[in-house]
């Protein structure tokens, strides 16, 4: 049986899901805690896109029950569920971008004589490849 390296053994045990930062809690993270030391404020908001070194992921229970030291303020940011959904403007912009990319281009480019033996025009293009046609 092959001996697995430390990375392979560790990688098999680590879950891709983010879990609560509280010791001995295995709950799935749903919120991120950030401290603003200059304002004596703890901010609990939606789960950050990726784990930051000085932020803490919290499960639902620990996010709701969080208390701050005396003299500190807790700010809880609740996301608006409607703002997380794609808007009609986003969908329309995406559709327009797809239509623009799929539209055939009718470009005609005349190449200078030093690039070709005779005068040629570019008939079509796909990626970096060009179809050239002689004008003569």
C-alpha atoms as a PDB file:
ATOM      1  CA  UNK A   1       0.000   0.000   0.000  1.00  0.00           C
ATOM      2  CA  UNK A   2       1.505   3.404  -0.964  1.00  0.00           C
ATOM      3  CA  UNK A   3       2.319   5.804   1.826  1.00  0.00           C
ATOM      4  CA  UNK A   4       0.463   9.090   1.428  1.00  0.00           C
ATOM      5  CA  UNK A   5       2.284  12.350   2.000  1.00  0.00           C
ATOM      6  CA  UNK A   6       1.241  14.742   4.743  1.00  0.00           C
ATOM      7  CA  UNK A   7      -0.591  16.964   2.213  1.00  0.00           C
ATOM      8  CA  UNK A   8      -2.653  14.098   0.813  1.00  0.00           C
ATOM      9  CA  UNK A   9      -3.643  12.865   4.281  1.00  0.00           C
ATOM     10  CA  UNK A  10      -4.544  16.357   5.450  1.00  0.00           C
ATOM     11  CA  UNK A  11      -6.428  17.209   2.242  1.00  0.00           C
ATOM     12  CA  UNK A  12      -8.637  14.143   2.602  1.00  0.00           C
ATOM     13  CA  UNK A  13      -9.688  15.231   6.105  1.00  0.00           C
ATOM     14  CA  UNK A  14     -10.413  18.888   5.340  1.00  0.00           C
ATOM     15  CA  UNK A  15     -13.897  19.789   4.168  1.00  0.00           C
ATOM     16  CA  UNK A  16     -14.376  22.368   1.425  1.00  0.00           C
ATOM     17  CA  UNK A  17     -17.255  23.900   3.413  1.00  0.00           C
ATOM     18  CA  UNK A  18     -16.424  26.744   5.739  1.00  0.00           C
ATOM     19  CA  UNK A  19     -17.249  26.022   9.352  1.00  0.00           C
ATOM     20  CA  UNK A  20     -17.754  28.194  12.393  1.00  0.00           C
ATOM     21  CA  UNK A  21     -14.573  29.686  13.889  1.00  0.00           C
ATOM     22  CA  UNK A  22     -15.712  29.034  17.454  1.00  0.00           C
ATOM     23  CA  UNK A  23     -13.703  26.225  19.057  1.00  0.00           C
ATOM     24  CA  UNK A  24     -15.455  22.850  19.059  1.00  0.00           C
ATOM     25  CA  UNK A  25     -18.296  24.120  16.828  1.00  0.00           C
ATOM     26  CA  UNK A  26     -18.747  22.242  13.563  1.00  0.00           C
ATOM     27  CA  UNK A  27     -21.708  24.287  12.299  1.00  0.00           C
ATOM     28  CA  UNK A  28     -21.694  25.591   8.747  1.00  0.00           C
ATOM     29  CA  UNK A  29     -20.604  29.231   8.538  1.00  0.00           C
ATOM     30  CA  UNK A  30     -23.309  31.705   7.471  1.00  0.00           C
ATOM     31  CA  UNK A  31     -21.903  35.023   8.755  1.00  0.00           C
ATOM     32  CA  UNK A  32     -18.567  36.827   9.008  1.00  0.00           C
ATOM     33  CA  UNK A  33     -17.397  38.731  12.081  1.00  0.00           C
ATOM     34  CA  UNK A  34     -14.994  41.636  11.642  1.00  0.00           C
ATOM     35  CA  UNK A  35     -13.603  43.909  14.353  1.00  0.00           C
ATOM     36  CA  UNK A  36     -13.068  47.626  13.757  1.00  0.00           C
ATOM     37  CA  UNK A  37     -10.715  48.346  16.635  1.00  0.00           C
ATOM     38  CA  UNK A  38     -10.475  52.092  15.966  1.00  0.00           C
ATOM     39  CA  UNK A  39     -14.274  52.450  16.432  1.00  0.00           C
ATOM     40  CA  UNK A  40     -14.652  49.775  19.140  1.00  0.00           C
ATOM     41  CA  UNK A  41     -17.144  48.016  16.866  1.00  0.00           C
ATOM     42  CA  UNK A  42     -17.815  44.395  15.976  1.00  0.00           C
ATOM     43  CA  UNK A  43     -19.517  43.938  12.600  1.00  0.00           C
ATOM     44  CA  UNK A  44     -21.484  40.764  11.857  1.00  0.00           C
ATOM     45  CA  UNK A  45     -22.563  40.503   8.244  1.00  0.00           C
ATOM     46  CA  UNK A  46     -23.225  37.982   5.485  1.00  0.00           C
ATOM     47  CA  UNK A  47     -20.602  35.322   4.878  1.00  0.00           C
ATOM     48  CA  UNK A  48     -17.641  36.830   3.041  1.00  0.00           C
ATOM     49  CA  UNK A  49     -16.836  35.532  -0.426  1.00  0.00           C
ATOM     50  CA  UNK A  50     -13.589  34.017   0.804  1.00  0.00           C
ATOM     51  CA  UNK A  51     -11.950  33.579   4.211  1.00  0.00           C
ATOM     52  CA  UNK A  52      -9.952  36.603   5.354  1.00  0.00           C
ATOM     53  CA  UNK A  53      -7.104  36.273   7.863  1.00  0.00           C
ATOM     54  CA  UNK A  54      -8.540  38.746  10.418  1.00  0.00           C
ATOM     55  CA  UNK A  55     -12.214  37.858  10.049  1.00  0.00           C
ATOM     56  CA  UNK A  56     -14.110  35.058  11.713  1.00  0.00           C
ATOM     57  CA  UNK A  57     -16.752  32.825  10.153  1.00  0.00           C
ATOM     58  CA  UNK A  58     -19.729  32.108  12.406  1.00  0.00           C
ATOM     59  CA  UNK A  59     -22.614  29.673  12.274  1.00  0.00           C
ATOM     60  CA  UNK A  60     -26.210  30.915  12.658  1.00  0.00           C
ATOM     61  CA  UNK A  61     -26.305  30.249  16.406  1.00  0.00           C
ATOM     62  CA  UNK A  62     -23.024  31.977  17.231  1.00  0.00           C
ATOM     63  CA  UNK A  63     -23.744  34.881  14.866  1.00  0.00           C
ATOM     64  CA  UNK A  64     -27.024  35.619  16.648  1.00  0.00           C
ATOM     65  CA  UNK A  65     -25.673  35.172  20.187  1.00  0.00           C
ATOM     66  CA  UNK A  66     -22.488  37.191  19.755  1.00  0.00           C
ATOM     67  CA  UNK A  67     -21.827  39.760  22.481  1.00  0.00           C
ATOM     68  CA  UNK A  68     -19.159  42.464  22.549  1.00  0.00           C
ATOM     69  CA  UNK A  69     -16.978  43.736  25.384  1.00  0.00           C
ATOM     70  CA  UNK A  70     -18.321  46.571  27.528  1.00  0.00           C
ATOM     71  CA  UNK A  71     -18.102  49.864  25.632  1.00  0.00           C
ATOM     72  CA  UNK A  72     -18.115  48.169  22.237  1.00  0.00           C
ATOM     73  CA  UNK A  73     -20.946  48.325  19.722  1.00  0.00           C
ATOM     74  CA  UNK A  74     -22.217  45.448  17.583  1.00  0.00           C
ATOM     75  CA  UNK A  75     -23.405  46.254  14.076  1.00  0.00           C
ATOM     76  CA  UNK A  76     -25.442  43.527  12.409  1.00  0.00           C
ATOM     77  CA  UNK A  77     -25.739  43.800   8.643  1.00  0.00           C
ATOM     78  CA  UNK A  78     -28.728  41.950   7.253  1.00  0.00           C
ATOM     79  CA  UNK A  79     -28.610  41.460   3.484  1.00  0.00           C
ATOM     80  CA  UNK A  80     -31.670  42.378   1.461  1.00  0.00           C
ATOM     81  CA  UNK A  81     -32.721  39.071  -0.152  1.00  0.00           C
ATOM     82  CA  UNK A  82     -33.974  40.881  -3.259  1.00  0.00           C
ATOM     83  CA  UNK A  83     -30.600  42.559  -3.814  1.00  0.00           C
ATOM     84  CA  UNK A  84     -28.898  39.151  -4.029  1.00  0.00           C
ATOM     85  CA  UNK A  85     -31.022  38.082  -7.006  1.00  0.00           C
ATOM     86  CA  UNK A  86     -30.008  39.083 -10.524  1.00  0.00           C
ATOM     87  CA  UNK A  87     -31.949  42.140 -11.680  1.00  0.00           C
ATOM     88  CA  UNK A  88     -33.606  42.437 -15.068  1.00  0.00           C
ATOM     89  CA  UNK A  89     -30.873  44.947 -16.021  1.00  0.00           C
ATOM     90  CA  UNK A  90     -28.178  42.351 -15.271  1.00  0.00           C
ATOM     91  CA  UNK A  91     -29.931  39.686 -17.331  1.00  0.00           C
ATOM     92  CA  UNK A  92     -30.524  42.089 -20.229  1.00  0.00           C
ATOM     93  CA  UNK A  93     -26.886  43.207 -20.213  1.00  0.00           C
ATOM     94  CA  UNK A  94     -25.748  39.576 -20.260  1.00  0.00           C
ATOM     95  CA  UNK A  95     -28.088  38.753 -23.160  1.00  0.00           C
ATOM     96  CA  UNK A  96     -26.839  41.770 -25.124  1.00  0.00           C
ATOM     97  CA  UNK A  97     -23.222  40.742 -24.551  1.00  0.00           C
ATOM     98  CA  UNK A  98     -23.944  37.211 -25.811  1.00  0.00           C
ATOM     99  CA  UNK A  99     -25.737  38.568 -28.898  1.00  0.00           C
ATOM    100  CA  UNK A 100     -22.831  40.924 -29.645  1.00  0.00           C
ATOM    101  CA  UNK A 101     -20.262  38.129 -29.330  1.00  0.00           C
ATOM    102  CA  UNK A 102     -22.267  35.805 -31.590  1.00  0.00           C
ATOM    103  CA  UNK A 103     -22.903  38.382 -34.327  1.00  0.00           C
ATOM    104  CA  UNK A 104     -20.775  37.806 -37.444  1.00  0.00           C
ATOM    105  CA  UNK A 105     -18.386  40.601 -38.240  1.00  0.00           C
ATOM    106  CA  UNK A 106     -18.336  42.035 -41.755  1.00  0.00           C
ATOM    107  CA  UNK A 107     -14.924  43.618 -41.567  1.00  0.00           C
ATOM    108  CA  UNK A 108     -12.970  44.291 -44.697  1.00  0.00           C
ATOM    109  CA  UNK A 109      -9.343  45.171 -44.082  1.00  0.00           C
ATOM    110  CA  UNK A 110      -6.966  46.109 -46.853  1.00  0.00           C
ATOM    111  CA  UNK A 111      -3.456  44.987 -45.990  1.00  0.00           C
ATOM    112  CA  UNK A 112      -0.525  47.169 -47.042  1.00  0.00           C
ATOM    113  CA  UNK A 113       1.577  45.838 -49.947  1.00  0.00           C
ATOM    114  CA  UNK A 114       4.622  45.219 -47.726  1.00  0.00           C
ATOM    115  CA  UNK A 115       2.649  42.525 -45.848  1.00  0.00           C
ATOM    116  CA  UNK A 116       1.558  40.658 -48.955  1.00  0.00           C
ATOM    117  CA  UNK A 117       2.773  40.007 -52.509  1.00  0.00           C
ATOM    118  CA  UNK A 118      -0.270  41.738 -53.987  1.00  0.00           C
ATOM    119  CA  UNK A 119      -3.152  43.796 -52.674  1.00  0.00           C
ATOM    120  CA  UNK A 120      -5.418  41.584 -50.571  1.00  0.00           C
ATOM    121  CA  UNK A 121      -8.455  42.050 -48.388  1.00  0.00           C
ATOM    122  CA  UNK A 122      -9.495  40.204 -45.276  1.00  0.00           C
ATOM    123  CA  UNK A 123     -12.707  38.305 -46.008  1.00  0.00           C
ATOM    124  CA  UNK A 124     -13.338  36.784 -42.583  1.00  0.00           C
ATOM    125  CA  UNK A 125     -11.650  36.060 -39.305  1.00  0.00           C
ATOM    126  CA  UNK A 126     -11.964  33.386 -36.643  1.00  0.00           C
ATOM    127  CA  UNK A 127      -9.811  33.989 -33.607  1.00  0.00           C
ATOM    128  CA  UNK A 128      -6.283  34.754 -34.786  1.00  0.00           C
ATOM    129  CA  UNK A 129      -6.830  33.137 -38.217  1.00  0.00           C
ATOM    130  CA  UNK A 130      -7.735  35.294 -41.234  1.00  0.00           C
ATOM    131  CA  UNK A 131      -9.129  34.454 -44.664  1.00  0.00           C
ATOM    132  CA  UNK A 132      -7.546  36.705 -47.278  1.00  0.00           C
ATOM    133  CA  UNK A 133      -8.717  37.343 -50.825  1.00  0.00           C
ATOM    134  CA  UNK A 134      -6.678  38.846 -53.630  1.00  0.00           C
ATOM    135  CA  UNK A 135      -8.102  42.057 -55.107  1.00  0.00           C
ATOM    136  CA  UNK A 136      -6.345  41.530 -58.461  1.00  0.00           C
END
